[in-house]
């Protein structure tokens, strides 16, 4: 397999915001290695099932696993904290002025890129303007980016926006780097050392990182193993130190040899329905599908009972904005589902194709359970397995599908990132959901300066999506990871789909 310094292959919309515990053989939600000695240096080989489609933070094709890797490579003006708040990163401080029309950032002194060059205000302005030109979510409302005489960055908006800050986690890139794909350069705790396509990607410690003492590890190697059985064998043979695994693999690991860790993935698993294709363009058909699908049964059968149902397009971790009343909006009612289908003119059911990316066993398992459930109301569903590149091309970008099983994450901790894909003219609205009331409420969210009022609007927006059965919302999948017993500590969790290797340390 040909090696190169950076290329892109595949990227996922699911899994990898995990916690590690360094002690004991039981499952846990993570710790910092209690009772053990923290050591600087060392390496970790981390097995995952997918590769990034791009290593350019300014590429529109970037999604979950790619962003998780790049979280360690790039930093924005601000950065998420573990409690969901935002803290200054390459910015030293900021102010929000003119009732949300102006954001001003004072940059830290001495920030260096991985190539040793100083980060300049021009690099920040270039990054922000590139996001504006690409039409990134949140950046379409930017009217001007100005470098002030004192070197601070002033971002003017077209309308007041008090929820703009989460978008500024976007990684800052050098303005003079002509090929970010093959030569990624950031300011984060790790730099990309090498990338062997379909094999591995290696991060190396950034000695000039802005936070003294971080990162602890010298090197992080992502080992790409698309086959889950091969990943299990790699763990058992010791060729990887840790791995992202599915619930079915958990049962096959010896707790005396591995620390098994579970945590929410901070991504919404759903059966997405193409709202523009027949018969799914009929609300009664979509409602019937929701009433016949038994989500607890899916969790029991495909996830070994580990998980909590959630009927919302927003993850429960965003607790201030999450509509808790949508935990079970469509209790199983087979008779009601049959009646709705008959009223829609499909009393005898209809055929349905469910496209599933083959590299995600948890989605394949989910689809198999759903096929059996749909059969109860005459819907004869068949599963079409495709590779990830085909899924991205045909389903996500081409919208050439009827139904699909996938998990959707958000690029930042704003609930708007989850909801923006449902706006009628949204570029990522691959469900083809169109609803005037939702569009109106979404626009009110953007314009509302009061956070308490925005919370009410966010919950109303979730209700509209649910009431119109845009999809079948299943759960925030519980992510499982296995680590060689007692070897690593210091891993923290975020209400975001990322994995931060900076605080991770090798236990001595």
Protein backbone atom coordinates (compact mmCIF):
# COMPACT_ATOMS: atom_id res chain seq x y z
CA UNK A 1 0.00 0.00 0.00
CA UNK A 2 1.37 3.34 -1.02
CA UNK A 3 2.45 5.73 1.74
CA UNK A 4 2.12 9.48 1.51
CA UNK A 5 2.29 12.41 3.81
CA UNK A 6 -1.43 13.15 3.71
CA UNK A 7 -4.37 12.05 1.70
CA UNK A 8 -7.96 11.41 2.42
CA UNK A 9 -10.12 8.41 2.12
CA UNK A 10 -13.20 7.97 4.20
CA UNK A 11 -14.92 9.72 7.05
CA UNK A 12 -17.68 8.77 9.36
CA UNK A 13 -20.68 10.44 11.01
CA UNK A 14 -20.46 8.34 14.10
CA UNK A 15 -18.52 7.09 17.17
CA UNK A 16 -15.51 8.22 19.18
CA UNK A 17 -16.11 10.51 22.15
CA UNK A 18 -14.82 8.04 24.77
CA UNK A 19 -13.62 7.71 28.33
CA UNK A 20 -10.90 5.53 29.73
CA UNK A 21 -10.36 4.08 33.14
CA UNK A 22 -6.93 2.86 34.06
CA UNK A 23 -7.89 0.80 37.09
CA UNK A 24 -9.95 -2.32 37.61
CA UNK A 25 -11.45 -4.80 35.18
CA UNK A 26 -15.03 -3.58 35.29
CA UNK A 27 -16.82 -1.32 32.86
CA UNK A 28 -16.66 2.33 33.75
CA UNK A 29 -17.23 5.85 32.58
CA UNK A 30 -13.55 6.88 32.86
CA UNK A 31 -10.99 8.13 35.30
CA UNK A 32 -7.53 9.62 35.40
CA UNK A 33 -5.68 6.54 36.51
CA UNK A 34 -6.34 6.53 40.22
CA UNK A 35 -3.73 4.75 42.27
CA UNK A 36 -1.14 4.81 39.48
CA UNK A 37 1.88 6.94 38.63
CA UNK A 38 1.58 9.30 35.69
CA UNK A 39 4.43 9.11 33.21
CA UNK A 40 5.49 11.48 30.45
CA UNK A 41 6.26 10.08 27.02
CA UNK A 42 5.21 6.78 25.52
CA UNK A 43 2.94 5.84 22.66
CA UNK A 44 -0.49 4.42 22.01
CA UNK A 45 -1.77 2.42 19.03
CA UNK A 46 -5.50 3.03 18.71
CA UNK A 47 -7.63 0.84 16.46
CA UNK A 48 -10.60 2.36 14.63
CA UNK A 49 -12.74 1.16 11.77
CA UNK A 50 -12.66 4.16 9.44
CA UNK A 51 -10.33 6.70 7.89
CA UNK A 52 -10.80 10.43 7.43
CA UNK A 53 -11.99 11.63 4.02
CA UNK A 54 -9.87 14.72 4.45
CA UNK A 55 -7.31 16.18 6.82
CA UNK A 56 -8.19 19.74 5.84
CA UNK A 57 -10.34 21.46 8.50
CA UNK A 58 -11.64 23.81 5.81
CA UNK A 59 -12.95 21.01 3.59
CA UNK A 60 -16.76 20.67 3.46
CA UNK A 61 -16.40 16.86 3.29
CA UNK A 62 -15.00 16.67 6.81
CA UNK A 63 -17.21 14.84 9.31
CA UNK A 64 -17.07 12.87 12.53
CA UNK A 65 -13.97 10.66 12.65
CA UNK A 66 -11.94 13.18 10.69
CA UNK A 67 -12.91 15.97 13.07
CA UNK A 68 -12.08 13.70 16.00
CA UNK A 69 -8.56 13.22 14.70
CA UNK A 70 -8.16 16.88 13.72
CA UNK A 71 -9.23 17.96 17.21
CA UNK A 72 -5.69 16.97 18.20
CA UNK A 73 -4.05 18.75 15.28
CA UNK A 74 -5.83 22.11 14.95
CA UNK A 75 -7.20 24.68 17.37
CA UNK A 76 -9.57 27.55 16.80
CA UNK A 77 -10.02 30.92 18.43
CA UNK A 78 -11.92 29.05 21.14
CA UNK A 79 -12.05 25.40 22.17
CA UNK A 80 -14.69 23.25 23.93
CA UNK A 81 -14.16 22.29 27.56
CA UNK A 82 -15.32 19.05 29.13
CA UNK A 83 -18.36 20.73 30.71
CA UNK A 84 -19.58 22.01 27.36
CA UNK A 85 -18.40 25.57 27.86
CA UNK A 86 -16.02 27.35 25.48
CA UNK A 87 -12.62 28.61 26.52
CA UNK A 88 -10.05 30.73 24.65
CA UNK A 89 -7.57 28.72 22.58
CA UNK A 90 -5.36 30.57 20.08
CA UNK A 91 -7.24 33.64 21.30
CA UNK A 92 -6.20 35.00 24.68
CA UNK A 93 -9.53 36.71 25.33
CA UNK A 94 -12.58 37.98 23.52
CA UNK A 95 -15.46 40.41 23.84
CA UNK A 96 -18.96 40.36 22.33
CA UNK A 97 -20.04 43.89 21.46
CA UNK A 98 -22.88 45.82 19.85
CA UNK A 99 -25.51 43.40 21.16
CA UNK A 100 -23.98 40.45 19.33
CA UNK A 101 -23.07 42.22 16.07
CA UNK A 102 -19.33 42.29 16.75
CA UNK A 103 -16.91 39.70 18.15
CA UNK A 104 -13.38 40.87 18.96
CA UNK A 105 -10.52 38.45 19.71
CA UNK A 106 -7.14 39.31 21.17
CA UNK A 107 -4.66 36.65 19.99
CA UNK A 108 -2.13 34.91 22.20
CA UNK A 109 1.51 35.80 21.72
CA UNK A 110 3.97 33.10 20.74
CA UNK A 111 1.56 30.63 19.10
CA UNK A 112 3.48 28.57 16.54
CA UNK A 113 2.38 26.28 13.75
CA UNK A 114 3.76 22.77 13.54
CA UNK A 115 6.32 23.91 10.95
CA UNK A 116 7.76 26.39 13.46
CA UNK A 117 6.26 29.49 11.84
CA UNK A 118 4.56 32.08 14.05
CA UNK A 119 0.79 32.24 13.80
CA UNK A 120 -0.17 35.71 12.57
CA UNK A 121 -3.45 37.62 12.48
CA UNK A 122 -3.41 37.15 8.70
CA UNK A 123 -3.64 33.38 9.21
CA UNK A 124 -6.71 33.77 11.40
CA UNK A 125 -8.38 36.14 8.95
CA UNK A 126 -7.61 33.79 6.05
CA UNK A 127 -9.14 30.84 7.91
CA UNK A 128 -12.33 32.71 8.81
CA UNK A 129 -12.77 34.16 5.31
CA UNK A 130 -12.25 30.70 3.80
CA UNK A 131 -15.06 29.36 5.98
CA UNK A 132 -17.29 32.22 4.83
CA UNK A 133 -16.57 31.49 1.16
CA UNK A 134 -17.22 27.76 1.68
CA UNK A 135 -20.60 28.53 3.28
CA UNK A 136 -19.84 26.75 6.54
CA UNK A 137 -22.75 26.60 8.99
CA UNK A 138 -22.77 29.82 11.00
CA UNK A 139 -20.33 31.67 8.77
CA UNK A 140 -22.88 32.80 6.18
CA UNK A 141 -23.86 35.56 8.62
CA UNK A 142 -20.34 37.03 8.70
CA UNK A 143 -20.19 40.39 6.91
CA UNK A 144 -16.54 41.29 7.53
CA UNK A 145 -13.33 40.04 9.15
CA UNK A 146 -10.93 42.83 10.11
CA UNK A 147 -7.38 42.81 11.43
CA UNK A 148 -7.11 45.78 13.75
CA UNK A 149 -3.90 47.81 14.20
CA UNK A 150 -3.23 46.10 17.55
CA UNK A 151 -3.39 42.67 15.88
CA UNK A 152 -6.80 41.72 17.26
CA UNK A 153 -9.45 40.13 15.05
CA UNK A 154 -12.86 41.78 14.70
CA UNK A 155 -15.70 39.74 13.20
CA UNK A 156 -18.77 41.73 12.13
CA UNK A 157 -22.08 39.93 11.60
CA UNK A 158 -24.98 40.82 9.35
CA UNK A 159 -27.40 40.54 12.26
CA UNK A 160 -26.99 40.21 16.04
CA UNK A 161 -25.97 36.66 16.96
CA UNK A 162 -25.34 35.63 20.53
CA UNK A 163 -24.79 31.97 19.71
CA UNK A 164 -21.97 32.49 17.20
CA UNK A 165 -19.05 31.54 19.44
CA UNK A 166 -19.29 27.71 18.99
CA UNK A 167 -18.54 28.08 15.28
CA UNK A 168 -15.18 29.65 16.09
CA UNK A 169 -13.73 26.31 17.18
CA UNK A 170 -12.75 25.98 13.49
CA UNK A 171 -9.05 25.08 13.25
CA UNK A 172 -6.71 27.92 12.25
CA UNK A 173 -4.51 27.17 9.23
CA UNK A 174 -1.51 29.00 7.70
CA UNK A 175 -2.52 31.41 4.96
CA UNK A 176 0.51 30.44 2.89
CA UNK A 177 -0.08 26.67 2.83
CA UNK A 178 -1.19 25.85 -0.75
CA UNK A 179 -2.05 22.18 -0.11
CA UNK A 180 -3.64 21.57 3.29
CA UNK A 181 -4.72 18.09 2.21
CA UNK A 182 -1.22 16.74 1.66
CA UNK A 183 0.53 19.06 4.09
CA UNK A 184 -1.71 19.68 7.11
CA UNK A 185 -0.26 22.25 9.50
CA UNK A 186 -2.01 23.36 12.68
CA UNK A 187 -1.23 24.66 16.15
CA UNK A 188 -2.68 21.79 18.19
CA UNK A 189 -0.97 19.42 20.67
CA UNK A 190 -0.03 16.94 17.94
CA UNK A 191 1.24 17.18 14.38
CA UNK A 192 0.57 14.60 11.68
CA UNK A 193 3.79 12.68 11.10
CA UNK A 194 2.65 10.19 8.44
CA UNK A 195 -0.37 8.65 6.78
CA UNK A 196 -0.40 5.21 5.18
CA UNK A 197 -3.74 4.95 3.40
CA UNK A 198 -5.94 2.12 4.67
CA UNK A 199 -3.29 1.28 7.25
CA UNK A 200 -2.48 3.96 9.82
CA UNK A 201 -2.12 7.64 10.65
CA UNK A 202 0.50 8.76 13.16
CA UNK A 203 0.46 11.90 15.29
CA UNK A 204 3.64 13.18 16.93
CA UNK A 205 3.96 15.48 19.95
CA UNK A 206 4.09 19.21 19.25
CA UNK A 207 7.00 20.54 21.36
CA UNK A 208 5.77 24.13 20.89
CA UNK A 209 2.22 23.55 22.10
CA UNK A 210 0.79 26.53 23.98
CA UNK A 211 -0.10 24.53 27.12
CA UNK A 212 3.03 23.65 29.14
CA UNK A 213 3.27 19.97 29.99
CA UNK A 214 0.90 18.83 27.26
CA UNK A 215 0.68 16.51 25.51
CA UNK A 216 2.11 13.68 27.61
CA UNK A 217 2.41 11.05 24.90
CA UNK A 218 5.16 11.23 22.29
CA UNK A 219 3.19 9.52 19.58
CA UNK A 220 -0.36 8.40 18.75
CA UNK A 221 -0.98 5.95 15.92
CA UNK A 222 -4.47 5.34 14.57
CA UNK A 223 -4.62 1.85 13.12
CA UNK A 224 -7.37 1.50 10.50
CA UNK A 225 -9.07 -1.90 10.59
CA UNK A 226 -12.35 -1.99 8.68
CA UNK A 227 -13.18 -5.57 9.66
CA UNK A 228 -14.47 -5.86 13.25
CA UNK A 229 -13.20 -9.42 13.63
CA UNK A 230 -9.71 -8.31 12.60
CA UNK A 231 -9.92 -5.48 15.12
CA UNK A 232 -10.80 -7.95 17.86
CA UNK A 233 -7.85 -10.15 16.90
CA UNK A 234 -5.54 -7.12 16.90
CA UNK A 235 -6.61 -6.30 20.45
CA UNK A 236 -6.17 -9.86 21.67
CA UNK A 237 -2.80 -10.20 19.96
CA UNK A 238 -1.55 -6.88 21.35
CA UNK A 239 -0.89 -5.28 17.96
CA UNK A 240 -3.04 -2.34 19.13
CA UNK A 241 -3.13 -0.97 22.68
CA UNK A 242 -6.74 0.17 22.53
CA UNK A 243 -9.63 0.15 20.10
CA UNK A 244 -13.07 1.46 19.36
CA UNK A 245 -15.34 -1.60 19.47
CA UNK A 246 -18.98 -2.57 19.14
CA UNK A 247 -21.15 -4.02 21.89
CA UNK A 248 -20.95 -7.49 20.40
CA UNK A 249 -17.15 -7.49 20.68
CA UNK A 250 -17.28 -6.45 24.32
CA UNK A 251 -18.67 -9.85 25.21
CA UNK A 252 -15.64 -11.56 23.68
CA UNK A 253 -12.93 -9.71 25.62
CA UNK A 254 -11.38 -10.96 28.84
CA UNK A 255 -11.96 -8.35 31.59
CA UNK A 256 -8.76 -9.56 33.25
CA UNK A 257 -6.82 -8.29 30.23
CA UNK A 258 -8.79 -5.20 29.20
CA UNK A 259 -10.42 -2.17 30.70
CA UNK A 260 -13.78 -1.84 28.96
CA UNK A 261 -15.12 1.70 28.87
CA UNK A 262 -18.53 2.91 27.78
CA UNK A 263 -19.78 6.43 27.22
CA UNK A 264 -22.25 8.25 24.98
CA UNK A 265 -20.90 8.80 21.49
CA UNK A 266 -22.59 12.22 21.30
CA UNK A 267 -24.07 11.34 17.94
CA UNK A 268 -27.72 10.70 17.08
CA UNK A 269 -28.41 7.26 15.62
CA UNK A 270 -31.43 7.36 13.35
CA UNK A 271 -33.20 5.68 10.49
CA UNK A 272 -33.12 8.58 8.06
CA UNK A 273 -36.03 8.76 5.63
CA UNK A 274 -35.88 10.56 2.31
CA UNK A 275 -38.87 12.86 2.72
CA UNK A 276 -39.11 13.51 -1.04
CA UNK A 277 -39.43 9.96 -2.41
CA UNK A 278 -42.68 8.02 -2.55
CA UNK A 279 -44.20 6.73 -0.35
CA UNK A 280 -42.00 8.37 2.31
CA UNK A 281 -43.19 11.81 1.18
CA UNK A 282 -46.48 10.91 2.90
CA UNK A 283 -46.54 11.91 6.59
CA UNK A 284 -48.85 9.03 7.51
CA UNK A 285 -46.36 6.54 6.06
CA UNK A 286 -43.52 8.05 8.08
CA UNK A 287 -45.68 8.02 11.20
CA UNK A 288 -46.56 4.36 10.62
CA UNK A 289 -42.88 3.47 10.41
CA UNK A 290 -42.22 5.30 13.69
CA UNK A 291 -45.08 3.50 15.46
CA UNK A 292 -43.93 0.01 14.44
CA UNK A 293 -40.23 0.37 15.25
CA UNK A 294 -39.42 -0.87 18.74
CA UNK A 295 -36.36 1.04 19.89
CA UNK A 296 -35.77 -0.85 23.18
CA UNK A 297 -35.76 -4.05 21.13
CA UNK A 298 -33.07 -2.55 18.87
CA UNK A 299 -30.96 -1.63 21.88
CA UNK A 300 -31.37 -5.09 23.40
CA UNK A 301 -30.64 -6.99 20.18
CA UNK A 302 -27.97 -4.82 18.54
CA UNK A 303 -26.33 -3.18 21.56
CA UNK A 304 -26.66 -5.80 24.28
CA UNK A 305 -29.06 -3.62 26.22
CA UNK A 306 -26.57 -0.79 26.58
CA UNK A 307 -28.14 2.50 25.57
CA UNK A 308 -31.00 4.87 26.22
CA UNK A 309 -33.74 5.68 23.68
CA UNK A 310 -33.89 9.24 22.44
CA UNK A 311 -36.46 10.55 19.97
CA UNK A 312 -34.76 13.88 19.33
CA UNK A 313 -32.42 15.13 16.59
CA UNK A 314 -30.33 16.73 19.40
CA UNK A 315 -28.13 14.68 21.73
CA UNK A 316 -29.23 14.43 25.40
CA UNK A 317 -25.79 15.73 26.50
CA UNK A 318 -26.93 19.21 25.44
CA UNK A 319 -29.26 19.02 28.41
CA UNK A 320 -30.26 22.71 28.49
CA UNK A 321 -31.63 22.48 24.97
CA UNK A 322 -32.67 18.84 24.70
CA UNK A 323 -36.43 18.18 24.71
CA UNK A 324 -36.64 15.41 27.29
CA UNK A 325 -40.27 14.77 26.43
CA UNK A 326 -39.12 13.15 23.19
CA UNK A 327 -37.53 10.14 24.86
CA UNK A 328 -40.39 7.97 23.58
CA UNK A 329 -42.61 10.03 21.24
CA UNK A 330 -43.93 7.00 19.33
CA UNK A 331 -44.65 4.06 21.66
CA UNK A 332 -45.01 0.84 19.73
CA UNK A 333 -48.55 0.50 18.36
CA UNK A 334 -48.71 -1.96 15.46
CA UNK A 335 -52.44 -1.55 14.90
CA UNK A 336 -52.15 2.21 14.70
CA UNK A 337 -49.26 1.79 12.25
CA UNK A 338 -51.40 -0.48 10.03
CA UNK A 339 -54.28 2.02 10.14
CA UNK A 340 -52.01 4.89 9.14
CA UNK A 341 -50.61 2.89 6.22
CA UNK A 342 -54.14 2.05 5.05
CA UNK A 343 -55.20 5.71 5.28
CA UNK A 344 -52.17 6.60 3.17
CA UNK A 345 -53.21 4.09 0.52
CA UNK A 346 -50.67 1.39 1.36
CA UNK A 347 -52.78 -1.17 3.24
CA UNK A 348 -50.78 -3.96 1.63
CA UNK A 349 -47.46 -2.39 2.51
CA UNK A 350 -44.67 -1.61 0.05
CA UNK A 351 -41.03 -2.49 -0.65
CA UNK A 352 -38.34 -0.36 1.01
CA UNK A 353 -34.59 -0.29 0.46
CA UNK A 354 -32.42 0.53 3.48
CA UNK A 355 -28.89 1.51 2.52
CA UNK A 356 -26.32 0.89 5.26
CA UNK A 357 -22.56 1.57 5.27
CA UNK A 358 -21.05 -1.89 5.60
CA UNK A 359 -18.15 -0.84 7.82
CA UNK A 360 -20.49 0.00 10.71
CA UNK A 361 -21.61 -3.25 12.28
CA UNK A 362 -23.87 -1.49 14.78
CA UNK A 363 -25.85 0.08 11.93
CA UNK A 364 -26.02 -3.21 10.03
CA UNK A 365 -27.28 -4.95 13.19
CA UNK A 366 -29.83 -2.18 13.74
CA UNK A 367 -31.08 -2.49 10.16
CA UNK A 368 -31.59 -6.24 10.55
CA UNK A 369 -33.80 -5.72 13.60
CA UNK A 370 -35.78 -2.99 11.81
CA UNK A 371 -36.39 -5.21 8.76
CA UNK A 372 -38.17 -7.74 11.00
CA UNK A 373 -40.19 -5.03 12.72
CA UNK A 374 -41.36 -3.43 9.46
CA UNK A 375 -42.54 -6.81 8.19
CA UNK A 376 -45.31 -6.70 10.84
CA UNK A 377 -47.12 -3.99 8.84
CA UNK A 378 -46.37 -5.36 5.39
CA UNK A 379 -43.32 -3.27 4.57
CA UNK A 380 -40.85 -5.62 2.89
CA UNK A 381 -37.52 -3.99 3.53
CA UNK A 382 -34.21 -5.15 2.13
CA UNK A 383 -30.76 -4.06 3.25
CA UNK A 384 -28.27 -2.80 0.70
CA UNK A 385 -24.73 -2.70 2.06
CA UNK A 386 -22.36 -0.15 0.52
CA UNK A 387 -18.86 1.06 1.31
CA UNK A 388 -18.44 4.37 3.05
CA UNK A 389 -17.34 6.31 -0.02
CA UNK A 390 -20.46 5.15 -1.86
CA UNK A 391 -22.67 6.10 1.10
CA UNK A 392 -21.22 9.60 1.16
CA UNK A 393 -21.59 9.99 -2.60
CA UNK A 394 -25.01 8.46 -3.16
CA UNK A 395 -26.84 9.01 0.13
CA UNK A 396 -25.35 12.04 1.86
CA UNK A 397 -24.42 14.15 -1.15
CA UNK A 398 -26.54 12.64 -3.93
CA UNK A 399 -29.67 11.96 -1.81
CA UNK A 400 -30.35 8.89 -3.99
CA UNK A 401 -31.90 6.61 -1.39
CA UNK A 402 -35.12 5.71 0.40
CA UNK A 403 -33.94 4.96 3.95
CA UNK A 404 -30.59 4.60 5.67
CA UNK A 405 -29.23 3.84 9.14
CA UNK A 406 -26.52 6.23 10.31
CA UNK A 407 -25.39 8.39 13.23
CA UNK A 408 -25.14 12.15 12.92
CA UNK A 409 -22.74 14.21 14.98
CA UNK A 410 -22.18 17.96 15.23
CA UNK A 411 -19.05 19.91 14.41
CA UNK A 412 -19.40 21.98 17.59
CA UNK A 413 -21.39 22.09 20.80
CA UNK A 414 -24.16 24.33 19.52
CA UNK A 415 -27.56 22.60 19.19
CA UNK A 416 -28.01 24.61 16.02
CA UNK A 417 -25.45 22.41 14.32
CA UNK A 418 -27.73 19.43 14.82
CA UNK A 419 -30.80 21.34 13.64
CA UNK A 420 -29.30 23.21 10.69
CA UNK A 421 -29.44 20.11 8.49
CA UNK A 422 -33.26 20.20 8.67
CA UNK A 423 -33.67 23.69 7.25
CA UNK A 424 -35.31 23.51 3.83
CA UNK A 425 -32.37 25.10 2.03
CA UNK A 426 -29.68 23.47 4.20
CA UNK A 427 -26.81 22.01 2.20
CA UNK A 428 -26.58 19.03 4.57
CA UNK A 429 -30.35 18.38 4.56
CA UNK A 430 -29.96 14.94 2.99
CA UNK A 431 -33.33 13.90 4.47
CA UNK A 432 -35.00 16.48 2.17
CA UNK A 433 -37.09 17.65 5.12
CA UNK A 434 -39.07 20.77 4.26
CA UNK A 435 -41.32 22.49 6.75
CA UNK A 436 -42.18 26.18 6.77
CA UNK A 437 -42.93 26.27 10.50
CA UNK A 438 -39.55 24.72 11.31
CA UNK A 439 -37.76 27.20 9.04
CA UNK A 440 -39.52 30.08 10.78
CA UNK A 441 -38.63 28.81 14.27
CA UNK A 442 -35.02 28.16 13.20
CA UNK A 443 -34.72 31.75 11.95
CA UNK A 444 -36.14 32.98 15.26
CA UNK A 445 -33.45 30.98 17.09
CA UNK A 446 -30.75 32.70 15.06
CA UNK A 447 -32.15 36.15 15.83
CA UNK A 448 -33.08 35.63 19.51
CA UNK A 449 -30.55 37.26 21.91
CA UNK A 450 -32.04 35.82 25.11
CA UNK A 451 -30.75 32.34 25.95
CA UNK A 452 -33.83 31.31 27.94
CA UNK A 453 -36.05 32.21 25.00
CA UNK A 454 -33.74 30.34 22.62
CA UNK A 455 -34.10 27.24 24.78
CA UNK A 456 -37.90 27.38 24.32
CA UNK A 457 -37.44 27.76 20.57
CA UNK A 458 -34.93 24.91 20.39
CA UNK A 459 -37.40 22.60 22.08
CA UNK A 460 -40.20 23.70 19.78
CA UNK A 461 -37.98 23.01 16.75
CA UNK A 462 -37.31 19.48 17.99
CA UNK A 463 -41.04 18.93 18.45
CA UNK A 464 -41.76 20.03 14.89
CA UNK A 465 -39.23 17.59 13.49
CA UNK A 466 -40.59 14.79 15.66
CA UNK A 467 -44.26 15.54 14.93
CA UNK A 468 -43.50 15.43 11.22
CA UNK A 469 -41.62 12.13 11.59
CA UNK A 470 -38.66 13.34 9.56
CA UNK A 471 -36.82 10.19 10.63
CA UNK A 472 -36.88 7.48 13.27
CA UNK A 473 -34.66 8.76 16.09
CA UNK A 474 -33.21 5.82 17.97
CA UNK A 475 -30.52 6.78 20.50
CA UNK A 476 -27.22 8.39 21.28
CA UNK A 477 -25.21 5.21 20.76
CA UNK A 478 -23.11 4.05 23.65
CA UNK A 479 -19.54 3.80 22.48
CA UNK A 480 -17.34 0.99 23.77
CA UNK A 481 -13.59 1.00 23.86
CA UNK A 482 -11.10 -1.53 25.16
CA UNK A 483 -7.70 -0.58 26.58
CA UNK A 484 -4.86 -2.81 27.63
CA UNK A 485 -5.48 -3.20 31.33
CA UNK A 486 -3.97 -0.56 33.59
CA UNK A 487 -1.79 1.03 30.92
CA UNK A 488 -3.31 4.47 30.19
CA UNK A 489 -5.00 7.24 32.15
CA UNK A 490 -6.03 10.87 31.80
CA UNK A 491 -8.73 10.57 29.17
CA UNK A 492 -11.60 13.03 29.43
CA UNK A 493 -15.03 13.24 27.87
CA UNK A 494 -16.66 16.08 25.96
CA UNK A 495 -20.30 16.68 24.95
CA UNK A 496 -18.95 16.48 21.42
CA UNK A 497 -17.82 13.75 19.07
CA UNK A 498 -14.07 14.06 19.67
CA UNK A 499 -11.26 12.24 21.38
CA UNK A 500 -8.61 14.41 23.05
CA UNK A 501 -5.24 12.67 23.31
CA UNK A 502 -3.46 15.68 24.86
CA UNK A 503 -4.15 14.75 28.53
CA UNK A 504 -3.64 11.01 28.00
CA UNK A 505 -0.61 9.53 29.74
CA UNK A 506 1.13 6.21 30.01
CA UNK A 507 0.92 4.68 33.49
CA UNK A 508 4.31 3.73 34.91
